Amino acid sequence: MADKQRISTTRRISAPAERIFELVTDPDGHVRIDGSGMLVAAGDARRVTRAGDAFEMDMDREPLGDLPLGKYRVRNVVTRIEPDALVEWTVGGVDHPPIGHVYGYALASVDDHTTDVTSYCDWSAVSEKWKARVSWPVVPLTMLEKSLANLDRLVTSPAA
């Protein structure tokens, strides 16, 4: 971890990049990957296809018991997207613009049936005002690792 404001982890998954990209660009895919019961894709959420696309998620921290935030809604806006290679989005509240942190998946095909997937969270663009309010890292590396394990299970299981 070279930059303490960016955390990432990589996992080799036995699935083509196209299949993984299909899941990580679908808001319902985010709910399935997270698997914590904390996320619910808001009503009309659709697959993201280009920068500027937005999707809302209903969040409920109560089942996790980690942060006293309760229930709230976040608006995610795609900042970068490259077919079968990358999707990145910034997070903000429904009633205010994004505060600057981004999440993403970077996909690198190893061969036709294997992909290295990097999941990351980057707070380097967050204003000093917000940085003073939060203790980094808010998203521990273990959460990113768990998400990649869930993604692996989802795309490689026979029922997927």
N, C-alpha and C. Protein backbone atom coordinates (compact mmCIF):
# COMPACT_ATOMS: atom_id res chain seq x y z
N MET A 1 0.85 -1.18 0.00
CA MET A 1 0.00 0.00 0.00
C MET A 1 0.90 1.23 0.00
N ALA A 2 1.16 1.78 -1.16
CA ALA A 2 2.07 2.91 -1.29
C ALA A 2 1.43 4.21 -0.79
N ASP A 3 0.15 4.41 -1.04
CA ASP A 3 -0.54 5.62 -0.65
C ASP A 3 -1.52 5.26 0.46
N LYS A 4 -1.35 5.86 1.63
CA LYS A 4 -2.21 5.49 2.74
C LYS A 4 -3.66 5.92 2.53
N GLN A 5 -3.92 6.73 1.49
CA GLN A 5 -5.28 7.15 1.20
C GLN A 5 -5.94 6.27 0.14
N ARG A 6 -5.24 5.29 -0.35
CA ARG A 6 -5.79 4.34 -1.31
C ARG A 6 -5.47 2.93 -0.83
N ILE A 7 -6.53 2.13 -0.72
CA ILE A 7 -6.32 0.74 -0.37
C ILE A 7 -6.86 -0.11 -1.51
N SER A 8 -6.19 -1.22 -1.76
CA SER A 8 -6.63 -2.09 -2.84
C SER A 8 -6.19 -3.52 -2.55
N THR A 9 -6.86 -4.43 -3.19
CA THR A 9 -6.50 -5.84 -3.12
C THR A 9 -6.84 -6.49 -4.44
N THR A 10 -6.08 -7.51 -4.81
CA THR A 10 -6.27 -8.18 -6.09
C THR A 10 -6.49 -9.67 -5.86
N ARG A 11 -7.36 -10.22 -6.68
CA ARG A 11 -7.64 -11.66 -6.61
C ARG A 11 -7.77 -12.20 -8.04
N ARG A 12 -7.17 -13.34 -8.29
CA ARG A 12 -7.30 -14.00 -9.59
C ARG A 12 -8.58 -14.83 -9.55
N ILE A 13 -9.47 -14.57 -10.54
CA ILE A 13 -10.76 -15.24 -10.60
C ILE A 13 -10.85 -16.03 -11.90
N SER A 14 -11.33 -17.26 -11.79
CA SER A 14 -11.45 -18.14 -12.95
C SER A 14 -12.74 -17.85 -13.71
N ALA A 15 -12.76 -16.69 -14.35
CA ALA A 15 -13.90 -16.27 -15.17
C ALA A 15 -13.39 -15.21 -16.14
N PRO A 16 -14.01 -15.12 -17.31
CA PRO A 16 -13.59 -14.09 -18.26
C PRO A 16 -13.95 -12.69 -17.77
N ALA A 17 -13.18 -11.71 -18.17
CA ALA A 17 -13.41 -10.31 -17.75
C ALA A 17 -14.82 -9.85 -18.11
N GLU A 18 -15.34 -10.28 -19.24
CA GLU A 18 -16.68 -9.86 -19.67
C GLU A 18 -17.74 -10.26 -18.65
N ARG A 19 -17.62 -11.47 -18.11
CA ARG A 19 -18.60 -11.96 -17.13
C ARG A 19 -18.50 -11.17 -15.83
N ILE A 20 -17.30 -10.88 -15.41
CA ILE A 20 -17.10 -10.11 -14.18
C ILE A 20 -17.59 -8.69 -14.37
N PHE A 21 -17.26 -8.08 -15.51
CA PHE A 21 -17.68 -6.71 -15.80
C PHE A 21 -19.21 -6.60 -15.78
N GLU A 22 -19.87 -7.61 -16.30
CA GLU A 22 -21.34 -7.61 -16.32
C GLU A 22 -21.89 -7.51 -14.90
N LEU A 23 -21.28 -8.19 -13.97
CA LEU A 23 -21.75 -8.17 -12.59
C LEU A 23 -21.42 -6.86 -11.88
N VAL A 24 -20.21 -6.33 -12.07
CA VAL A 24 -19.80 -5.13 -11.33
C VAL A 24 -20.38 -3.84 -11.91
N THR A 25 -21.01 -3.89 -13.06
CA THR A 25 -21.68 -2.71 -13.62
C THR A 25 -23.18 -2.73 -13.39
N ASP A 26 -23.65 -3.70 -12.62
CA ASP A 26 -25.07 -3.84 -12.30
C ASP A 26 -25.27 -3.50 -10.83
N PRO A 27 -26.11 -2.50 -10.51
CA PRO A 27 -26.32 -2.17 -9.08
C PRO A 27 -26.74 -3.37 -8.24
N ASP A 28 -27.56 -4.27 -8.80
CA ASP A 28 -27.93 -5.47 -8.05
C ASP A 28 -26.71 -6.36 -7.82
N GLY A 29 -25.74 -6.28 -8.73
CA GLY A 29 -24.49 -7.01 -8.55
C GLY A 29 -23.74 -6.52 -7.32
N HIS A 30 -23.77 -5.21 -7.08
CA HIS A 30 -23.11 -4.65 -5.89
C HIS A 30 -23.73 -5.21 -4.62
N VAL A 31 -25.06 -5.34 -4.61
CA VAL A 31 -25.75 -5.89 -3.45
C VAL A 31 -25.31 -7.33 -3.23
N ARG A 32 -25.27 -8.11 -4.31
CA ARG A 32 -24.88 -9.53 -4.20
C ARG A 32 -23.42 -9.67 -3.79
N ILE A 33 -22.55 -8.84 -4.33
CA ILE A 33 -21.12 -8.90 -3.99
C ILE A 33 -20.90 -8.52 -2.53
N ASP A 34 -21.58 -7.46 -2.07
CA ASP A 34 -21.40 -7.02 -0.69
C ASP A 34 -21.83 -8.12 0.28
N GLY A 35 -23.02 -8.65 0.08
CA GLY A 35 -23.49 -9.79 0.88
C GLY A 35 -23.69 -9.53 2.36
N SER A 36 -23.59 -8.28 2.82
CA SER A 36 -23.68 -7.99 4.25
C SER A 36 -25.10 -7.72 4.71
N GLY A 37 -26.02 -7.51 3.77
CA GLY A 37 -27.36 -7.09 4.14
C GLY A 37 -27.45 -5.60 4.32
N MET A 38 -26.34 -4.89 4.11
CA MET A 38 -26.30 -3.44 4.30
C MET A 38 -26.83 -2.69 3.08
N LEU A 39 -26.69 -3.26 1.87
CA LEU A 39 -27.03 -2.55 0.65
C LEU A 39 -28.32 -3.05 0.02
N VAL A 40 -29.09 -2.13 -0.53
CA VAL A 40 -30.25 -2.45 -1.36
C VAL A 40 -30.23 -1.49 -2.52
N ALA A 41 -30.27 -2.00 -3.75
CA ALA A 41 -30.30 -1.12 -4.92
C ALA A 41 -31.65 -0.41 -4.95
N ALA A 42 -31.63 0.89 -5.12
CA ALA A 42 -32.87 1.66 -5.15
C ALA A 42 -33.65 1.34 -6.43
N GLY A 43 -34.94 1.32 -6.27
CA GLY A 43 -35.93 1.00 -7.30
C GLY A 43 -35.54 0.88 -8.75
N ASP A 44 -35.22 1.98 -9.40
CA ASP A 44 -35.02 1.96 -10.86
C ASP A 44 -33.55 1.86 -11.27
N ALA A 45 -32.72 1.34 -10.39
CA ALA A 45 -31.29 1.23 -10.70
C ALA A 45 -31.07 0.35 -11.93
N ARG A 46 -30.29 0.85 -12.88
CA ARG A 46 -29.97 0.12 -14.11
C ARG A 46 -28.47 -0.06 -14.25
N ARG A 47 -28.09 -1.00 -15.08
CA ARG A 47 -26.67 -1.24 -15.37
C ARG A 47 -26.03 0.08 -15.81
N VAL A 48 -24.81 0.34 -15.35
CA VAL A 48 -24.09 1.54 -15.75
C VAL A 48 -23.30 1.24 -17.02
N THR A 49 -23.26 2.23 -17.93
CA THR A 49 -22.60 2.00 -19.21
C THR A 49 -21.61 3.08 -19.59
N ARG A 50 -21.68 4.25 -18.92
CA ARG A 50 -20.77 5.34 -19.28
C ARG A 50 -20.55 6.27 -18.09
N ALA A 51 -19.49 7.05 -18.17
CA ALA A 51 -19.20 8.04 -17.13
C ALA A 51 -20.40 8.98 -17.02
N GLY A 52 -20.76 9.30 -15.79
CA GLY A 52 -21.92 10.15 -15.54
C GLY A 52 -23.16 9.37 -15.16
N ASP A 53 -23.22 8.08 -15.51
CA ASP A 53 -24.35 7.26 -15.08
C ASP A 53 -24.38 7.22 -13.56
N ALA A 54 -25.57 7.21 -13.01
CA ALA A 54 -25.71 7.20 -11.55
C ALA A 54 -26.60 6.05 -11.11
N PHE A 55 -26.34 5.56 -9.91
CA PHE A 55 -27.23 4.57 -9.30
C PHE A 55 -27.26 4.84 -7.80
N GLU A 56 -28.44 4.68 -7.23
CA GLU A 56 -28.61 4.93 -5.81
C GLU A 56 -28.70 3.62 -5.05
N MET A 57 -28.17 3.66 -3.84
CA MET A 57 -28.20 2.49 -2.96
C MET A 57 -28.77 2.92 -1.61
N ASP A 58 -29.67 2.11 -1.09
CA ASP A 58 -30.15 2.31 0.27
C ASP A 58 -29.17 1.57 1.17
N MET A 59 -28.70 2.27 2.19
CA MET A 59 -27.71 1.71 3.10
C MET A 59 -28.36 1.55 4.47
N ASP A 60 -27.97 0.49 5.15
CA ASP A 60 -28.44 0.25 6.51
C ASP A 60 -27.28 -0.31 7.31
N ARG A 61 -26.64 0.54 8.11
CA ARG A 61 -25.48 0.11 8.90
C ARG A 61 -25.88 -0.66 10.15
N GLU A 62 -27.16 -0.63 10.52
CA GLU A 62 -27.59 -1.26 11.75
C GLU A 62 -27.24 -2.75 11.83
N PRO A 63 -27.45 -3.55 10.74
CA PRO A 63 -27.09 -4.97 10.84
C PRO A 63 -25.60 -5.20 11.11
N LEU A 64 -24.77 -4.26 10.66
CA LEU A 64 -23.33 -4.43 10.85
C LEU A 64 -22.89 -4.01 12.25
N GLY A 65 -23.57 -3.02 12.80
CA GLY A 65 -23.24 -2.55 14.14
C GLY A 65 -21.89 -1.89 14.25
N ASP A 66 -21.33 -1.40 13.11
CA ASP A 66 -19.98 -0.83 13.16
C ASP A 66 -19.95 0.69 13.27
N LEU A 67 -20.81 1.37 12.52
CA LEU A 67 -20.85 2.84 12.55
C LEU A 67 -22.26 3.28 12.89
N PRO A 68 -22.41 4.29 13.73
CA PRO A 68 -23.75 4.72 14.15
C PRO A 68 -24.43 5.62 13.10
N LEU A 69 -24.57 5.09 11.88
CA LEU A 69 -25.15 5.90 10.80
C LEU A 69 -26.59 5.52 10.49
N GLY A 70 -27.04 4.37 10.95
CA GLY A 70 -28.42 3.97 10.70
C GLY A 70 -28.69 3.76 9.23
N LYS A 71 -29.88 4.20 8.78
CA LYS A 71 -30.31 4.03 7.40
C LYS A 71 -30.17 5.34 6.64
N TYR A 72 -29.68 5.26 5.41
CA TYR A 72 -29.53 6.44 4.58
C TYR A 72 -29.41 6.00 3.13
N ARG A 73 -29.44 6.94 2.21
CA ARG A 73 -29.32 6.63 0.78
C ARG A 73 -28.09 7.33 0.22
N VAL A 74 -27.35 6.61 -0.61
CA VAL A 74 -26.19 7.22 -1.28
C VAL A 74 -26.42 7.20 -2.78
N ARG A 75 -25.85 8.20 -3.43
CA ARG A 75 -25.90 8.31 -4.88
C ARG A 75 -24.48 8.06 -5.38
N ASN A 76 -24.34 7.07 -6.22
CA ASN A 76 -23.05 6.71 -6.80
C ASN A 76 -23.03 7.19 -8.24
N VAL A 77 -21.96 7.86 -8.64
CA VAL A 77 -21.84 8.37 -10.00
C VAL A 77 -20.57 7.81 -10.62
N VAL A 78 -20.72 7.18 -11.80
CA VAL A 78 -19.58 6.58 -12.49
C VAL A 78 -18.65 7.69 -12.96
N THR A 79 -17.38 7.58 -12.59
CA THR A 79 -16.38 8.57 -13.00
C THR A 79 -15.52 8.07 -14.16
N ARG A 80 -15.31 6.74 -14.20
CA ARG A 80 -14.53 6.14 -15.30
C ARG A 80 -15.10 4.77 -15.59
N ILE A 81 -15.13 4.43 -16.87
CA ILE A 81 -15.57 3.10 -17.25
C ILE A 81 -14.91 2.71 -18.56
N GLU A 82 -14.41 1.50 -18.61
CA GLU A 82 -13.80 0.95 -19.82
C GLU A 82 -14.35 -0.46 -19.96
N PRO A 83 -15.04 -0.76 -21.06
CA PRO A 83 -15.67 -2.07 -21.21
C PRO A 83 -14.72 -3.22 -20.88
N ASP A 84 -15.21 -4.11 -20.04
CA ASP A 84 -14.50 -5.32 -19.63
C ASP A 84 -13.15 -5.07 -18.97
N ALA A 85 -12.91 -3.83 -18.51
CA ALA A 85 -11.62 -3.52 -17.90
C ALA A 85 -11.70 -2.69 -16.61
N LEU A 86 -12.66 -1.78 -16.50
CA LEU A 86 -12.65 -0.86 -15.36
C LEU A 86 -14.03 -0.25 -15.15
N VAL A 87 -14.43 -0.16 -13.89
CA VAL A 87 -15.56 0.68 -13.52
C VAL A 87 -15.19 1.32 -12.19
N GLU A 88 -15.38 2.64 -12.12
CA GLU A 88 -15.03 3.41 -10.93
C GLU A 88 -16.17 4.38 -10.68
N TRP A 89 -16.51 4.58 -9.42
CA TRP A 89 -17.60 5.49 -9.09
C TRP A 89 -17.27 6.26 -7.82
N THR A 90 -17.86 7.44 -7.75
CA THR A 90 -17.71 8.28 -6.56
C THR A 90 -19.01 8.21 -5.77
N VAL A 91 -18.90 8.41 -4.48
CA VAL A 91 -20.04 8.23 -3.59
C VAL A 91 -20.40 9.55 -2.94
N GLY A 92 -21.69 9.83 -2.84
CA GLY A 92 -22.16 11.03 -2.15
C GLY A 92 -23.54 10.77 -1.60
N GLY A 93 -24.07 11.75 -0.91
CA GLY A 93 -25.43 11.62 -0.41
C GLY A 93 -26.41 12.03 -1.49
N VAL A 94 -27.66 11.63 -1.31
CA VAL A 94 -28.69 12.00 -2.26
C VAL A 94 -28.90 13.52 -2.24
N ASP A 95 -28.75 14.13 -1.07
CA ASP A 95 -29.00 15.55 -0.93
C ASP A 95 -27.78 16.44 -1.05
N HIS A 96 -26.61 15.85 -1.34
CA HIS A 96 -25.41 16.67 -1.51
C HIS A 96 -24.49 16.01 -2.54
N PRO A 97 -23.59 16.77 -3.11
CA PRO A 97 -22.71 16.19 -4.13
C PRO A 97 -21.73 15.20 -3.52
N PRO A 98 -21.10 14.38 -4.36
CA PRO A 98 -20.11 13.43 -3.84
C PRO A 98 -19.02 14.15 -3.06
N ILE A 99 -18.51 13.47 -2.02
CA ILE A 99 -17.47 14.12 -1.21
C ILE A 99 -16.07 13.84 -1.72
N GLY A 100 -15.94 12.97 -2.72
CA GLY A 100 -14.63 12.81 -3.34
C GLY A 100 -14.03 11.43 -3.31
N HIS A 101 -14.51 10.53 -2.45
CA HIS A 101 -13.89 9.20 -2.42
C HIS A 101 -14.47 8.34 -3.55
N VAL A 102 -13.63 7.47 -4.08
CA VAL A 102 -14.05 6.61 -5.18
C VAL A 102 -13.79 5.14 -4.83
N TYR A 103 -14.61 4.32 -5.43
CA TYR A 103 -14.44 2.87 -5.36
C TYR A 103 -14.31 2.37 -6.78
N GLY A 104 -13.70 1.22 -6.96
CA GLY A 104 -13.61 0.70 -8.31
C GLY A 104 -13.19 -0.74 -8.38
N TYR A 105 -13.38 -1.27 -9.58
CA TYR A 105 -12.89 -2.60 -9.95
C TYR A 105 -12.08 -2.43 -11.23
N ALA A 106 -10.85 -2.89 -11.21
CA ALA A 106 -10.00 -2.91 -12.40
C ALA A 106 -9.81 -4.38 -12.78
N LEU A 107 -10.05 -4.69 -14.05
CA LEU A 107 -9.98 -6.07 -14.52
C LEU A 107 -8.85 -6.21 -15.52
N ALA A 108 -8.04 -7.24 -15.34
CA ALA A 108 -6.94 -7.51 -16.27
C ALA A 108 -7.03 -8.98 -16.69
N SER A 109 -7.34 -9.21 -17.96
CA SER A 109 -7.45 -10.58 -18.46
C SER A 109 -6.10 -11.25 -18.43
N VAL A 110 -6.06 -12.43 -17.85
CA VAL A 110 -4.85 -13.25 -17.85
C VAL A 110 -4.88 -14.12 -19.10
N ASP A 111 -6.05 -14.71 -19.36
CA ASP A 111 -6.31 -15.47 -20.58
C ASP A 111 -7.83 -15.44 -20.80
N ASP A 112 -8.36 -16.24 -21.71
CA ASP A 112 -9.78 -16.19 -22.02
C ASP A 112 -10.69 -16.60 -20.87
N HIS A 113 -10.15 -17.28 -19.87
CA HIS A 113 -10.97 -17.81 -18.79
C HIS A 113 -10.53 -17.36 -17.41
N THR A 114 -9.58 -16.45 -17.32
CA THR A 114 -9.05 -16.03 -16.02
C THR A 114 -8.81 -14.52 -16.02
N THR A 115 -9.16 -13.89 -14.90
CA THR A 115 -9.03 -12.44 -14.79
C THR A 115 -8.47 -12.06 -13.42
N ASP A 116 -7.51 -11.15 -13.41
CA ASP A 116 -7.06 -10.55 -12.15
C ASP A 116 -7.97 -9.35 -11.89
N VAL A 117 -8.62 -9.36 -10.73
CA VAL A 117 -9.56 -8.30 -10.37
C VAL A 117 -8.99 -7.54 -9.18
N THR A 118 -8.85 -6.23 -9.34
CA THR A 118 -8.41 -5.37 -8.24
C THR A 118 -9.59 -4.54 -7.78
N SER A 119 -9.87 -4.60 -6.50
CA SER A 119 -10.92 -3.79 -5.90
C SER A 119 -10.20 -2.72 -5.08
N TYR A 120 -10.67 -1.47 -5.19
CA TYR A 120 -9.98 -0.40 -4.47
C TYR A 120 -10.93 0.67 -3.96
N CYS A 121 -10.43 1.41 -2.99
CA CYS A 121 -11.10 2.58 -2.43
C CYS A 121 -10.04 3.66 -2.29
N ASP A 122 -10.34 4.85 -2.79
CA ASP A 122 -9.36 5.94 -2.81
C ASP A 122 -9.99 7.20 -2.23
N TRP A 123 -9.36 7.74 -1.18
CA TRP A 123 -9.85 8.96 -0.53
C TRP A 123 -8.95 10.16 -0.82
N SER A 124 -8.02 10.04 -1.75
CA SER A 124 -7.06 11.12 -1.97
C SER A 124 -7.69 12.42 -2.46
N ALA A 125 -8.87 12.35 -3.10
CA ALA A 125 -9.51 13.57 -3.60
C ALA A 125 -10.48 14.20 -2.60
N VAL A 126 -10.61 13.60 -1.43
CA VAL A 126 -11.52 14.14 -0.42
C VAL A 126 -10.94 15.42 0.16
N SER A 127 -11.79 16.40 0.37
CA SER A 127 -11.34 17.70 0.90
C SER A 127 -10.77 17.52 2.32
N GLU A 128 -9.93 18.44 2.70
CA GLU A 128 -9.34 18.40 4.04
C GLU A 128 -10.42 18.48 5.11
N LYS A 129 -11.50 19.20 4.84
CA LYS A 129 -12.62 19.31 5.78
C LYS A 129 -13.19 17.92 6.08
N TRP A 130 -13.42 17.14 5.03
CA TRP A 130 -13.98 15.80 5.23
C TRP A 130 -12.94 14.86 5.84
N LYS A 131 -11.68 14.98 5.41
CA LYS A 131 -10.64 14.11 5.97
C LYS A 131 -10.53 14.29 7.48
N ALA A 132 -10.74 15.51 7.95
CA ALA A 132 -10.65 15.78 9.38
C ALA A 132 -11.80 15.12 10.15
N ARG A 133 -12.91 14.81 9.44
CA ARG A 133 -14.08 14.24 10.09
C ARG A 133 -14.05 12.72 10.15
N VAL A 134 -13.20 12.10 9.33
CA VAL A 134 -13.20 10.64 9.26
C VAL A 134 -11.83 10.08 9.63
N SER A 135 -11.84 8.90 10.14
CA SER A 135 -10.60 8.23 10.47
C SER A 135 -10.29 7.21 9.38
N TRP A 136 -9.23 7.44 8.61
CA TRP A 136 -8.86 6.54 7.52
C TRP A 136 -8.16 5.32 8.08
N PRO A 137 -8.30 4.12 7.60
CA PRO A 137 -9.21 3.81 6.51
C PRO A 137 -10.62 3.50 7.00
N VAL A 138 -11.60 4.13 6.41
CA VAL A 138 -12.99 3.87 6.76
C VAL A 138 -13.38 2.48 6.26
N VAL A 139 -12.93 2.15 5.07
CA VAL A 139 -13.21 0.82 4.51
C VAL A 139 -11.96 -0.03 4.70
N PRO A 140 -12.00 -0.97 5.63
CA PRO A 140 -10.80 -1.78 5.84
C PRO A 140 -10.52 -2.71 4.67
N LEU A 141 -9.28 -3.04 4.52
CA LEU A 141 -8.85 -3.94 3.46
C LEU A 141 -9.63 -5.25 3.50
N THR A 142 -9.98 -5.69 4.69
CA THR A 142 -10.73 -6.96 4.81
C THR A 142 -12.08 -6.89 4.11
N MET A 143 -12.72 -5.71 4.08
CA MET A 143 -14.00 -5.59 3.38
C MET A 143 -13.80 -5.75 1.88
N LEU A 144 -12.72 -5.17 1.34
CA LEU A 144 -12.44 -5.32 -0.09
C LEU A 144 -12.13 -6.78 -0.41
N GLU A 145 -11.36 -7.43 0.46
CA GLU A 145 -11.02 -8.83 0.25
C GLU A 145 -12.28 -9.70 0.30
N LYS A 146 -13.18 -9.41 1.22
CA LYS A 146 -14.43 -10.16 1.32
C LYS A 146 -15.27 -9.96 0.05
N SER A 147 -15.31 -8.74 -0.44
CA SER A 147 -16.07 -8.46 -1.66
C SER A 147 -15.52 -9.27 -2.84
N LEU A 148 -14.19 -9.34 -2.95
CA LEU A 148 -13.60 -10.11 -4.05
C LEU A 148 -13.87 -11.61 -3.88
N ALA A 149 -13.88 -12.10 -2.66
CA ALA A 149 -14.21 -13.51 -2.43
C ALA A 149 -15.66 -13.77 -2.83
N ASN A 150 -16.56 -12.85 -2.48
CA ASN A 150 -17.97 -13.00 -2.88
C ASN A 150 -18.12 -12.92 -4.39
N LEU A 151 -17.40 -11.99 -5.03
CA LEU A 151 -17.44 -11.87 -6.49
C LEU A 151 -16.97 -13.17 -7.13
N ASP A 152 -15.88 -13.72 -6.63
CA ASP A 152 -15.34 -14.98 -7.13
C ASP A 152 -16.41 -16.08 -7.03
N ARG A 153 -17.04 -16.18 -5.88
CA ARG A 153 -18.07 -17.20 -5.67
C ARG A 153 -19.24 -17.00 -6.63
N LEU A 154 -19.66 -15.76 -6.82
CA LEU A 154 -20.81 -15.47 -7.68
C LEU A 154 -20.55 -15.82 -9.14
N VAL A 155 -19.36 -15.50 -9.64
CA VAL A 155 -19.12 -15.73 -11.08
C VAL A 155 -18.63 -17.14 -11.39
N THR A 156 -18.19 -17.88 -10.38
CA THR A 156 -17.67 -19.23 -10.67
C THR A 156 -18.61 -20.34 -10.21
N SER A 157 -19.65 -20.01 -9.45
CA SER A 157 -20.57 -21.06 -9.00
C SER A 157 -21.48 -21.48 -10.16
N PRO A 158 -21.85 -22.74 -10.21
CA PRO A 158 -22.70 -23.24 -11.30
C PRO A 158 -24.03 -22.50 -11.42
N ALA A 159 -24.58 -22.02 -10.31
CA ALA A 159 -25.87 -21.34 -10.34
C ALA A 159 -25.77 -19.89 -10.79
N ALA A 160 -24.55 -19.37 -10.92
CA ALA A 160 -24.37 -17.94 -11.26
C ALA A 160 -24.78 -17.64 -12.68
